[in-house]
PDB file of N, CA and C in Angstrom:
ATOM      1  N   MET A   1       2.115 -18.371   0.346  1.00  0.00           N
ATOM      2  CA  MET A   1       2.748 -17.115   0.580  1.00  0.00           C
ATOM      3  C   MET A   1       3.317 -16.587  -0.717  1.00  0.00           C
ATOM      4  N   LYS A   2       3.070 -15.305  -1.022  1.00  0.00           N
ATOM      5  CA  LYS A   2       3.578 -14.745  -2.267  1.00  0.00           C
ATOM      6  C   LYS A   2       5.035 -14.373  -2.124  1.00  0.00           C
ATOM      7  N   ASP A   3       5.741 -14.347  -3.258  1.00  0.00           N
ATOM      8  CA  ASP A   3       7.176 -13.938  -3.143  1.00  0.00           C
ATOM      9  C   ASP A   3       7.212 -12.445  -3.134  1.00  0.00           C
ATOM     10  N   MET A   4       8.451 -11.936  -2.906  1.00  0.00           N
ATOM     11  CA  MET A   4       8.651 -10.507  -2.699  1.00  0.00           C
ATOM     12  C   MET A   4       8.348  -9.690  -3.993  1.00  0.00           C
ATOM     13  N   ASN A   5       8.613 -10.207  -5.160  1.00  0.00           N
ATOM     14  CA  ASN A   5       8.323  -9.515  -6.383  1.00  0.00           C
ATOM     15  C   ASN A   5       6.816  -9.397  -6.595  1.00  0.00           C
ATOM     16  N   GLU A   6       6.097 -10.381  -6.253  1.00  0.00           N
ATOM     17  CA  GLU A   6       4.586 -10.345  -6.364  1.00  0.00           C
ATOM     18  C   GLU A   6       4.116  -9.300  -5.361  1.00  0.00           C
ATOM     19  N   ARG A   7       4.674  -9.253  -4.182  1.00  0.00           N
ATOM     20  CA  ARG A   7       4.218  -8.293  -3.184  1.00  0.00           C
ATOM     21  C   ARG A   7       4.553  -6.852  -3.696  1.00  0.00           C
ATOM     22  N   ALA A   8       5.721  -6.711  -4.303  1.00  0.00           N
ATOM     23  CA  ALA A   8       6.085  -5.374  -4.793  1.00  0.00           C
ATOM     24  C   ALA A   8       5.092  -4.960  -5.906  1.00  0.00           C
ATOM     25  N   LYS A   9       4.743  -5.887  -6.779  1.00  0.00           N
ATOM     26  CA  LYS A   9       3.780  -5.543  -7.811  1.00  0.00           C
ATOM     27  C   LYS A   9       2.394  -5.207  -7.193  1.00  0.00           C
ATOM     28  N   THR A  10       1.972  -5.953  -6.151  1.00  0.00           N
ATOM     29  CA  THR A  10       0.721  -5.618  -5.509  1.00  0.00           C
ATOM     30  C   THR A  10       0.809  -4.206  -4.869  1.00  0.00           C
ATOM     31  N   LEU A  11       1.843  -3.914  -4.166  1.00  0.00           N
ATOM     32  CA  LEU A  11       2.041  -2.612  -3.556  1.00  0.00           C
ATOM     33  C   LEU A  11       1.966  -1.548  -4.609  1.00  0.00           C
ATOM     34  N   SER A  12       2.677  -1.716  -5.731  1.00  0.00           N
ATOM     35  CA  SER A  12       2.654  -0.692  -6.816  1.00  0.00           C
ATOM     36  C   SER A  12       1.271  -0.518  -7.326  1.00  0.00           C
ATOM     37  N   GLU A  13       0.542  -1.543  -7.550  1.00  0.00           N
ATOM     38  CA  GLU A  13      -0.795  -1.451  -8.135  1.00  0.00           C
ATOM     39  C   GLU A  13      -1.722  -0.666  -7.195  1.00  0.00           C
ATOM     40  N   VAL A  14      -1.671  -1.009  -5.894  1.00  0.00           N
ATOM     41  CA  VAL A  14      -2.544  -0.331  -4.923  1.00  0.00           C
ATOM     42  C   VAL A  14      -2.130   1.149  -4.852  1.00  0.00           C
ATOM     43  N   ALA A  15      -0.823   1.422  -4.836  1.00  0.00           N
ATOM     44  CA  ALA A  15      -0.354   2.823  -4.686  1.00  0.00           C
ATOM     45  C   ALA A  15      -0.821   3.679  -5.966  1.00  0.00           C
ATOM     46  N   GLU A  16      -0.702   3.057  -7.140  1.00  0.00           N
ATOM     47  CA  GLU A  16      -1.158   3.696  -8.340  1.00  0.00           C
ATOM     48  C   GLU A  16      -2.664   3.993  -8.287  1.00  0.00           C
ATOM     49  N   ARG A  17      -3.419   2.986  -7.834  1.00  0.00           N
ATOM     50  CA  ARG A  17      -4.853   3.109  -7.759  1.00  0.00           C
ATOM     51  C   ARG A  17      -5.235   4.274  -6.772  1.00  0.00           C
ATOM     52  N   VAL A  18      -4.578   4.244  -5.576  1.00  0.00           N
ATOM     53  CA  VAL A  18      -4.924   5.288  -4.574  1.00  0.00           C
ATOM     54  C   VAL A  18      -4.507   6.660  -5.137  1.00  0.00           C
ATOM     55  N   ALA A  19      -3.399   6.757  -5.712  1.00  0.00           N
ATOM     56  CA  ALA A  19      -2.954   8.034  -6.363  1.00  0.00           C
ATOM     57  C   ALA A  19      -3.978   8.604  -7.338  1.00  0.00           C
ATOM     58  N   LEU A  20      -4.549   7.723  -8.170  1.00  0.00           N
ATOM     59  CA  LEU A  20      -5.612   8.127  -9.124  1.00  0.00           C
ATOM     60  C   LEU A  20      -6.838   8.553  -8.387  1.00  0.00           C
ATOM     61  N   TRP A  21      -7.306   7.757  -7.370  1.00  0.00           N
ATOM     62  CA  TRP A  21      -8.467   8.122  -6.616  1.00  0.00           C
ATOM     63  C   TRP A  21      -8.266   9.457  -5.921  1.00  0.00           C
ATOM     64  N   ASN A  22      -7.064   9.698  -5.485  1.00  0.00           N
ATOM     65  CA  ASN A  22      -6.681  10.939  -4.798  1.00  0.00           C
ATOM     66  C   ASN A  22      -6.846  12.166  -5.690  1.00  0.00           C
ATOM     67  N   GLU A  23      -6.646  11.977  -6.925  1.00  0.00           N
ATOM     68  CA  GLU A  23      -6.792  13.072  -7.933  1.00  0.00           C
ATOM     69  C   GLU A  23      -8.298  13.484  -8.087  1.00  0.00           C
ATOM     70  N   PHE A  24      -9.138  12.593  -7.938  1.00  0.00           N
ATOM     71  CA  PHE A  24     -10.560  12.812  -8.126  1.00  0.00           C
ATOM     72  C   PHE A  24     -11.317  12.267  -7.000  1.00  0.00           C
ATOM     73  N   ARG A  25     -11.069  12.810  -5.783  1.00  0.00           N
ATOM     74  CA  ARG A  25     -11.599  12.255  -4.589  1.00  0.00           C
ATOM     75  C   ARG A  25     -13.195  12.268  -4.559  1.00  0.00           C
ATOM     76  N   ALA A  26     -13.689  11.088  -4.294  1.00  0.00           N
ATOM     77  CA  ALA A  26     -15.116  10.927  -4.090  1.00  0.00           C
ATOM     78  C   ALA A  26     -15.376  10.781  -2.583  1.00  0.00           C
ATOM     79  N   ASP A  27     -16.654  10.855  -2.240  1.00  0.00           N
ATOM     80  CA  ASP A  27     -17.009  10.645  -0.863  1.00  0.00           C
ATOM     81  C   ASP A  27     -16.584   9.352  -0.271  1.00  0.00           C
ATOM     82  N   SER A  28     -16.406   8.336  -1.111  1.00  0.00           N
ATOM     83  CA  SER A  28     -16.012   7.013  -0.692  1.00  0.00           C
ATOM     84  C   SER A  28     -14.569   6.766  -0.715  1.00  0.00           C
ATOM     85  N   PHE A  29     -13.763   7.821  -0.837  1.00  0.00           N
ATOM     86  CA  PHE A  29     -12.342   7.680  -0.977  1.00  0.00           C
ATOM     87  C   PHE A  29     -11.639   6.905   0.112  1.00  0.00           C
ATOM     88  N   GLN A  30     -11.987   7.324   1.337  1.00  0.00           N
ATOM     89  CA  GLN A  30     -11.341   6.648   2.503  1.00  0.00           C
ATOM     90  C   GLN A  30     -11.706   5.089   2.525  1.00  0.00           C
ATOM     91  N   ASP A  31     -12.992   4.849   2.336  1.00  0.00           N
ATOM     92  CA  ASP A  31     -13.433   3.466   2.336  1.00  0.00           C
ATOM     93  C   ASP A  31     -12.823   2.666   1.182  1.00  0.00           C
ATOM     94  N   ASN A  32     -12.662   3.291  -0.006  1.00  0.00           N
ATOM     95  CA  ASN A  32     -12.017   2.557  -1.108  1.00  0.00           C
ATOM     96  C   ASN A  32     -10.549   2.258  -0.808  1.00  0.00           C
ATOM     97  N   VAL A  33      -9.857   3.253  -0.199  1.00  0.00           N
ATOM     98  CA  VAL A  33      -8.475   3.023   0.171  1.00  0.00           C
ATOM     99  C   VAL A  33      -8.365   1.870   1.198  1.00  0.00           C
ATOM    100  N   ALA A  34      -9.182   1.926   2.226  1.00  0.00           N
ATOM    101  CA  ALA A  34      -9.115   0.872   3.246  1.00  0.00           C
ATOM    102  C   ALA A  34      -9.433  -0.518   2.651  1.00  0.00           C
ATOM    103  N   ARG A  35     -10.397  -0.536   1.741  1.00  0.00           N
ATOM    104  CA  ARG A  35     -10.708  -1.886   1.138  1.00  0.00           C
ATOM    105  C   ARG A  35      -9.544  -2.422   0.289  1.00  0.00           C
ATOM    106  N   ALA A  36      -8.949  -1.502  -0.510  1.00  0.00           N
ATOM    107  CA  ALA A  36      -7.857  -1.881  -1.350  1.00  0.00           C
ATOM    108  C   ALA A  36      -6.634  -2.319  -0.516  1.00  0.00           C
ATOM    109  N   VAL A  37      -6.341  -1.614   0.574  1.00  0.00           N
ATOM    110  CA  VAL A  37      -5.231  -1.988   1.410  1.00  0.00           C
ATOM    111  C   VAL A  37      -5.448  -3.325   2.114  1.00  0.00           C
ATOM    112  N   ASN A  38      -6.734  -3.527   2.654  1.00  0.00           N
ATOM    113  CA  ASN A  38      -7.043  -4.732   3.324  1.00  0.00           C
ATOM    114  C   ASN A  38      -6.989  -5.928   2.406  1.00  0.00           C
ATOM    115  N   ASP A  39      -7.440  -5.728   1.179  1.00  0.00           N
ATOM    116  CA  ASP A  39      -7.359  -6.830   0.187  1.00  0.00           C
ATOM    117  C   ASP A  39      -5.856  -7.126  -0.121  1.00  0.00           C
ATOM    118  N   ALA A  40      -5.074  -6.086  -0.307  1.00  0.00           N
ATOM    119  CA  ALA A  40      -3.682  -6.259  -0.714  1.00  0.00           C
ATOM    120  C   ALA A  40      -2.838  -6.879   0.461  1.00  0.00           C
ATOM    121  N   ARG A  41      -3.153  -6.559   1.696  1.00  0.00           N
ATOM    122  CA  ARG A  41      -2.312  -6.989   2.812  1.00  0.00           C
ATOM    123  C   ARG A  41      -2.374  -8.546   2.952  1.00  0.00           C
ATOM    124  N   GLU A  42      -3.373  -9.140   2.361  1.00  0.00           N
ATOM    125  CA  GLU A  42      -3.431 -10.623   2.406  1.00  0.00           C
ATOM    126  C   GLU A  42      -2.228 -11.261   1.709  1.00  0.00           C
ATOM    127  N   SER A  43      -1.598 -10.508   0.835  1.00  0.00           N
ATOM    128  CA  SER A  43      -0.382 -10.961   0.128  1.00  0.00           C
ATOM    129  C   SER A  43       0.752 -11.134   1.108  1.00  0.00           C
ATOM    130  N   TRP A  44       0.690 -10.488   2.253  1.00  0.00           N
ATOM    131  CA  TRP A  44       1.761 -10.531   3.215  1.00  0.00           C
ATOM    132  C   TRP A  44       1.589 -11.556   4.303  1.00  0.00           C
ATOM    133  N   ARG A  45       0.497 -12.292   4.263  1.00  0.00           N
ATOM    134  CA  ARG A  45       0.279 -13.302   5.300  1.00  0.00           C
ATOM    135  C   ARG A  45       1.276 -14.459   5.111  1.00  0.00           C
ATOM    136  N   ASP A  46       1.857 -14.935   6.243  1.00  0.00           N
ATOM    137  CA  ASP A  46       2.762 -16.057   6.149  1.00  0.00           C
ATOM    138  C   ASP A  46       1.931 -17.395   6.220  1.00  0.00           C
ATOM    139  N   ASP A  47       2.621 -18.485   6.245  1.00  0.00           N
ATOM    140  CA  ASP A  47       1.956 -19.747   6.203  1.00  0.00           C
ATOM    141  C   ASP A  47       1.069 -20.012   7.458  1.00  0.00           C
ATOM    142  N   ASP A  48       1.423 -19.298   8.516  1.00  0.00           N
ATOM    143  CA  ASP A  48       0.619 -19.381   9.717  1.00  0.00           C
ATOM    144  C   ASP A  48      -0.577 -18.441   9.777  1.00  0.00           C
ATOM    145  N   GLY A  49      -0.648 -17.570   8.738  1.00  0.00           N
ATOM    146  CA  GLY A  49      -1.712 -16.617   8.630  1.00  0.00           C
ATOM    147  C   GLY A  49      -1.462 -15.287   9.345  1.00  0.00           C
ATOM    148  N   SER A  50      -0.202 -15.144   9.790  1.00  0.00           N
ATOM    149  CA  SER A  50       0.194 -13.897  10.507  1.00  0.00           C
ATOM    150  C   SER A  50       0.691 -12.837   9.492  1.00  0.00           C
ATOM    151  N   LEU A  51       0.484 -11.590   9.845  1.00  0.00           N
ATOM    152  CA  LEU A  51       1.003 -10.445   9.091  1.00  0.00           C
ATOM    153  C   LEU A  51       2.283  -9.935   9.774  1.00  0.00           C
ATOM    154  N   PRO A  52       3.147  -9.277   9.022  1.00  0.00           N
ATOM    155  CA  PRO A  52       4.379  -8.812   9.594  1.00  0.00           C
ATOM    156  C   PRO A  52       4.022  -7.648  10.559  1.00  0.00           C
ATOM    157  N   ARG A  53       4.844  -7.479  11.585  1.00  0.00           N
ATOM    158  CA  ARG A  53       4.660  -6.382  12.543  1.00  0.00           C
ATOM    159  C   ARG A  53       5.189  -5.105  11.894  1.00  0.00           C
ATOM    160  N   ARG A  54       4.697  -3.997  12.328  1.00  0.00           N
ATOM    161  CA  ARG A  54       5.261  -2.698  11.794  1.00  0.00           C
ATOM    162  C   ARG A  54       6.736  -2.620  12.058  1.00  0.00           C
ATOM    163  N   GLY A  55       7.385  -2.211  11.027  1.00  0.00           N
ATOM    164  CA  GLY A  55       8.872  -2.075  11.108  1.00  0.00           C
ATOM    165  C   GLY A  55       9.610  -3.288  10.532  1.00  0.00           C
ATOM    166  N   ALA A  56       8.949  -4.395  10.347  1.00  0.00           N
ATOM    167  CA  ALA A  56       9.570  -5.561   9.932  1.00  0.00           C
ATOM    168  C   ALA A  56       9.676  -5.663   8.429  1.00  0.00           C
ATOM    169  N   ASP A  57       8.892  -5.039   7.666  1.00  0.00           N
ATOM    170  CA  ASP A  57       8.858  -5.093   6.183  1.00  0.00           C
ATOM    171  C   ASP A  57       8.525  -3.753   5.707  1.00  0.00           C
ATOM    172  N   PRO A  58       9.513  -3.096   4.999  1.00  0.00           N
ATOM    173  CA  PRO A  58       9.237  -1.717   4.502  1.00  0.00           C
ATOM    174  C   PRO A  58       8.065  -1.589   3.496  1.00  0.00           C
ATOM    175  N   MET A  59       7.902  -2.646   2.706  1.00  0.00           N
ATOM    176  CA  MET A  59       6.730  -2.596   1.748  1.00  0.00           C
ATOM    177  C   MET A  59       5.371  -2.775   2.473  1.00  0.00           C
ATOM    178  N   PHE A  60       5.395  -3.574   3.478  1.00  0.00           N
ATOM    179  CA  PHE A  60       4.114  -3.684   4.220  1.00  0.00           C
ATOM    180  C   PHE A  60       3.809  -2.402   4.991  1.00  0.00           C
ATOM    181  N   ASP A  61       4.899  -1.769   5.517  1.00  0.00           N
ATOM    182  CA  ASP A  61       4.665  -0.481   6.236  1.00  0.00           C
ATOM    183  C   ASP A  61       4.165   0.574   5.227  1.00  0.00           C
ATOM    184  N   ALA A  62       4.728   0.529   3.979  1.00  0.00           N
ATOM    185  CA  ALA A  62       4.287   1.545   3.025  1.00  0.00           C
ATOM    186  C   ALA A  62       2.856   1.248   2.632  1.00  0.00           C
ATOM    187  N   LEU A  63       2.460   0.008   2.521  1.00  0.00           N
ATOM    188  CA  LEU A  63       1.071  -0.333   2.241  1.00  0.00           C
ATOM    189  C   LEU A  63       0.138   0.258   3.303  1.00  0.00           C
ATOM    190  N   LEU A  64       0.491  -0.013   4.580  1.00  0.00           N
ATOM    191  CA  LEU A  64      -0.359   0.480   5.651  1.00  0.00           C
ATOM    192  C   LEU A  64      -0.330   1.968   5.746  1.00  0.00           C
ATOM    193  N   GLY A  65       0.697   2.581   5.268  1.00  0.00           N
ATOM    194  CA  GLY A  65       0.846   4.068   5.275  1.00  0.00           C
ATOM    195  C   GLY A  65      -0.250   4.661   4.384  1.00  0.00           C
ATOM    196  N   LEU A  66      -0.626   3.931   3.335  1.00  0.00           N
ATOM    197  CA  LEU A  66      -1.680   4.472   2.475  1.00  0.00           C
ATOM    198  C   LEU A  66      -2.981   4.582   3.173  1.00  0.00           C
ATOM    199  N   VAL A  67      -3.351   3.675   3.970  1.00  0.00           N
ATOM    200  CA  VAL A  67      -4.632   3.736   4.720  1.00  0.00           C
ATOM    201  C   VAL A  67      -4.449   4.748   5.891  1.00  0.00           C
ATOM    202  N   ASP A  68      -3.296   4.784   6.469  1.00  0.00           N
ATOM    203  CA  ASP A  68      -2.984   5.821   7.523  1.00  0.00           C
ATOM    204  C   ASP A  68      -3.261   7.202   7.068  1.00  0.00           C
ATOM    205  N   MET A  69      -2.872   7.457   5.818  1.00  0.00           N
ATOM    206  CA  MET A  69      -2.960   8.778   5.324  1.00  0.00           C
ATOM    207  C   MET A  69      -4.304   9.099   4.508  1.00  0.00           C
ATOM    208  N   ALA A  70      -5.162   8.121   4.473  1.00  0.00           N
ATOM    209  CA  ALA A  70      -6.380   8.297   3.631  1.00  0.00           C
ATOM    210  C   ALA A  70      -7.271   9.476   4.088  1.00  0.00           C
ATOM    211  N   ASP A  71      -7.224   9.874   5.350  1.00  0.00           N
ATOM    212  CA  ASP A  71      -8.019  10.992   5.794  1.00  0.00           C
ATOM    213  C   ASP A  71      -7.214  12.289   5.881  1.00  0.00           C
ATOM    214  N   ALA A  72      -5.982  12.219   5.360  1.00  0.00           N
ATOM    215  CA  ALA A  72      -5.112  13.435   5.374  1.00  0.00           C
ATOM    216  C   ALA A  72      -5.347  14.255   4.092  1.00  0.00           C
ATOM    217  N   SER A  73      -4.563  15.245   3.916  1.00  0.00           N
ATOM    218  CA  SER A  73      -4.659  16.102   2.742  1.00  0.00           C
ATOM    219  C   SER A  73      -4.276  15.334   1.485  1.00  0.00           C
ATOM    220  N   PRO A  74      -4.732  15.806   0.333  1.00  0.00           N
ATOM    221  CA  PRO A  74      -4.320  15.198  -0.876  1.00  0.00           C
ATOM    222  C   PRO A  74      -2.838  15.148  -1.054  1.00  0.00           C
ATOM    223  N   THR A  75      -2.150  16.173  -0.564  1.00  0.00           N
ATOM    224  CA  THR A  75      -0.739  16.165  -0.709  1.00  0.00           C
ATOM    225  C   THR A  75      -0.068  15.080   0.118  1.00  0.00           C
ATOM    226  N   ALA A  76      -0.609  14.861   1.327  1.00  0.00           N
ATOM    227  CA  ALA A  76      -0.024  13.810   2.175  1.00  0.00           C
ATOM    228  C   ALA A  76      -0.326  12.408   1.580  1.00  0.00           C
ATOM    229  N   VAL A  77      -1.512  12.236   0.982  1.00  0.00           N
ATOM    230  CA  VAL A  77      -1.782  10.949   0.281  1.00  0.00           C
ATOM    231  C   VAL A  77      -0.883  10.774  -0.878  1.00  0.00           C
ATOM    232  N   ARG A  78      -0.665  11.820  -1.631  1.00  0.00           N
ATOM    233  CA  ARG A  78       0.243  11.783  -2.763  1.00  0.00           C
ATOM    234  C   ARG A  78       1.647  11.321  -2.329  1.00  0.00           C
ATOM    235  N   ASP A  79       2.129  11.881  -1.237  1.00  0.00           N
ATOM    236  CA  ASP A  79       3.423  11.547  -0.694  1.00  0.00           C
ATOM    237  C   ASP A  79       3.478  10.085  -0.202  1.00  0.00           C
ATOM    238  N   ALA A  80       2.436   9.630   0.401  1.00  0.00           N
ATOM    239  CA  ALA A  80       2.323   8.205   0.850  1.00  0.00           C
ATOM    240  C   ALA A  80       2.361   7.279  -0.335  1.00  0.00           C
ATOM    241  N   CYS A  81       1.722   7.670  -1.454  1.00  0.00           N
ATOM    242  CA  CYS A  81       1.753   6.855  -2.693  1.00  0.00           C
ATOM    243  C   CYS A  81       3.130   6.830  -3.232  1.00  0.00           C
ATOM    244  N   ALA A  82       3.795   7.955  -3.288  1.00  0.00           N
ATOM    245  CA  ALA A  82       5.179   8.030  -3.772  1.00  0.00           C
ATOM    246  C   ALA A  82       6.127   7.163  -2.924  1.00  0.00           C
ATOM    247  N   GLU A  83       5.949   7.190  -1.639  1.00  0.00           N
ATOM    248  CA  GLU A  83       6.731   6.351  -0.769  1.00  0.00           C
ATOM    249  C   GLU A  83       6.440   4.865  -1.001  1.00  0.00           C
ATOM    250  N   ALA A  84       5.267   4.503  -1.177  1.00  0.00           N
ATOM    251  CA  ALA A  84       4.903   3.086  -1.530  1.00  0.00           C
ATOM    252  C   ALA A  84       5.512   2.689  -2.806  1.00  0.00           C
ATOM    253  N   LEU A  85       5.433   3.517  -3.817  1.00  0.00           N
ATOM    254  CA  LEU A  85       6.000   3.176  -5.086  1.00  0.00           C
ATOM    255  C   LEU A  85       7.559   3.053  -4.995  1.00  0.00           C
ATOM    256  N   ARG A  86       8.196   3.944  -4.211  1.00  0.00           N
ATOM    257  CA  ARG A  86       9.666   3.845  -4.040  1.00  0.00           C
ATOM    258  C   ARG A  86      10.004   2.497  -3.255  1.00  0.00           C
ATOM    259  N   ALA A  87       9.228   2.118  -2.261  1.00  0.00           N
ATOM    260  CA  ALA A  87       9.426   0.907  -1.523  1.00  0.00           C
ATOM    261  C   ALA A  87       9.322  -0.287  -2.486  1.00  0.00           C
ATOM    262  N   ALA A  88       8.336  -0.279  -3.341  1.00  0.00           N
ATOM    263  CA  ALA A  88       8.125  -1.420  -4.281  1.00  0.00           C
ATOM    264  C   ALA A  88       9.302  -1.423  -5.279  1.00  0.00           C
ATOM    265  N   GLU A  89       9.712  -0.245  -5.769  1.00  0.00           N
ATOM    266  CA  GLU A  89      10.800  -0.147  -6.764  1.00  0.00           C
ATOM    267  C   GLU A  89      12.103  -0.648  -6.167  1.00  0.00           C
ATOM    268  N   VAL A  90      12.386  -0.315  -4.955  1.00  0.00           N
ATOM    269  CA  VAL A  90      13.647  -0.735  -4.266  1.00  0.00           C
ATOM    270  C   VAL A  90      13.640  -2.299  -4.236  1.00  0.00           C
ATOM    271  N   ARG A  91      12.520  -2.830  -3.910  1.00  0.00           N
ATOM    272  CA  ARG A  91      12.428  -4.318  -3.859  1.00  0.00           C
ATOM    273  C   ARG A  91      12.675  -4.963  -5.193  1.00  0.00           C
ATOM    274  N   THR A  92      12.044  -4.470  -6.253  1.00  0.00           N
ATOM    275  CA  THR A  92      12.213  -5.085  -7.550  1.00  0.00           C
ATOM    276  C   THR A  92      13.548  -4.820  -8.238  1.00  0.00           C
ATOM    277  N   ALA A  93      14.221  -3.715  -7.677  1.00  0.00           N
ATOM    278  CA  ALA A  93      15.575  -3.402  -8.328  1.00  0.00           C
ATOM    279  C   ALA A  93      16.657  -4.347  -7.752  1.00  0.00           C
ATOM    280  N   ARG A  94      16.345  -5.119  -6.696  1.00  0.00           N
ATOM    281  CA  ARG A  94      17.404  -5.996  -6.203  1.00  0.00           C
ATOM    282  C   ARG A  94      17.625  -7.205  -7.014  1.00  0.00           C
TER     283      ARG A  94
END
């Protein structure tokens, strides 16, 4: 299991990547976001292989928010990326 700082770094990296893709949306945008989020969420698996439930971890919720918003407007995706970056920043600021 990764520690919280590693998870925050993973979340930041995915949010930055999605934000960049959002600026220059390709036809594969939604698939790329889903793949990036699915890969990153593995960092949240506990020793039993379980993922946190929604509402239990703000960073995990922010990560899932990226894929939730992938089919929304570019503005909504931008806002989801900003929220994810804020969630990661809050964690690393502690």
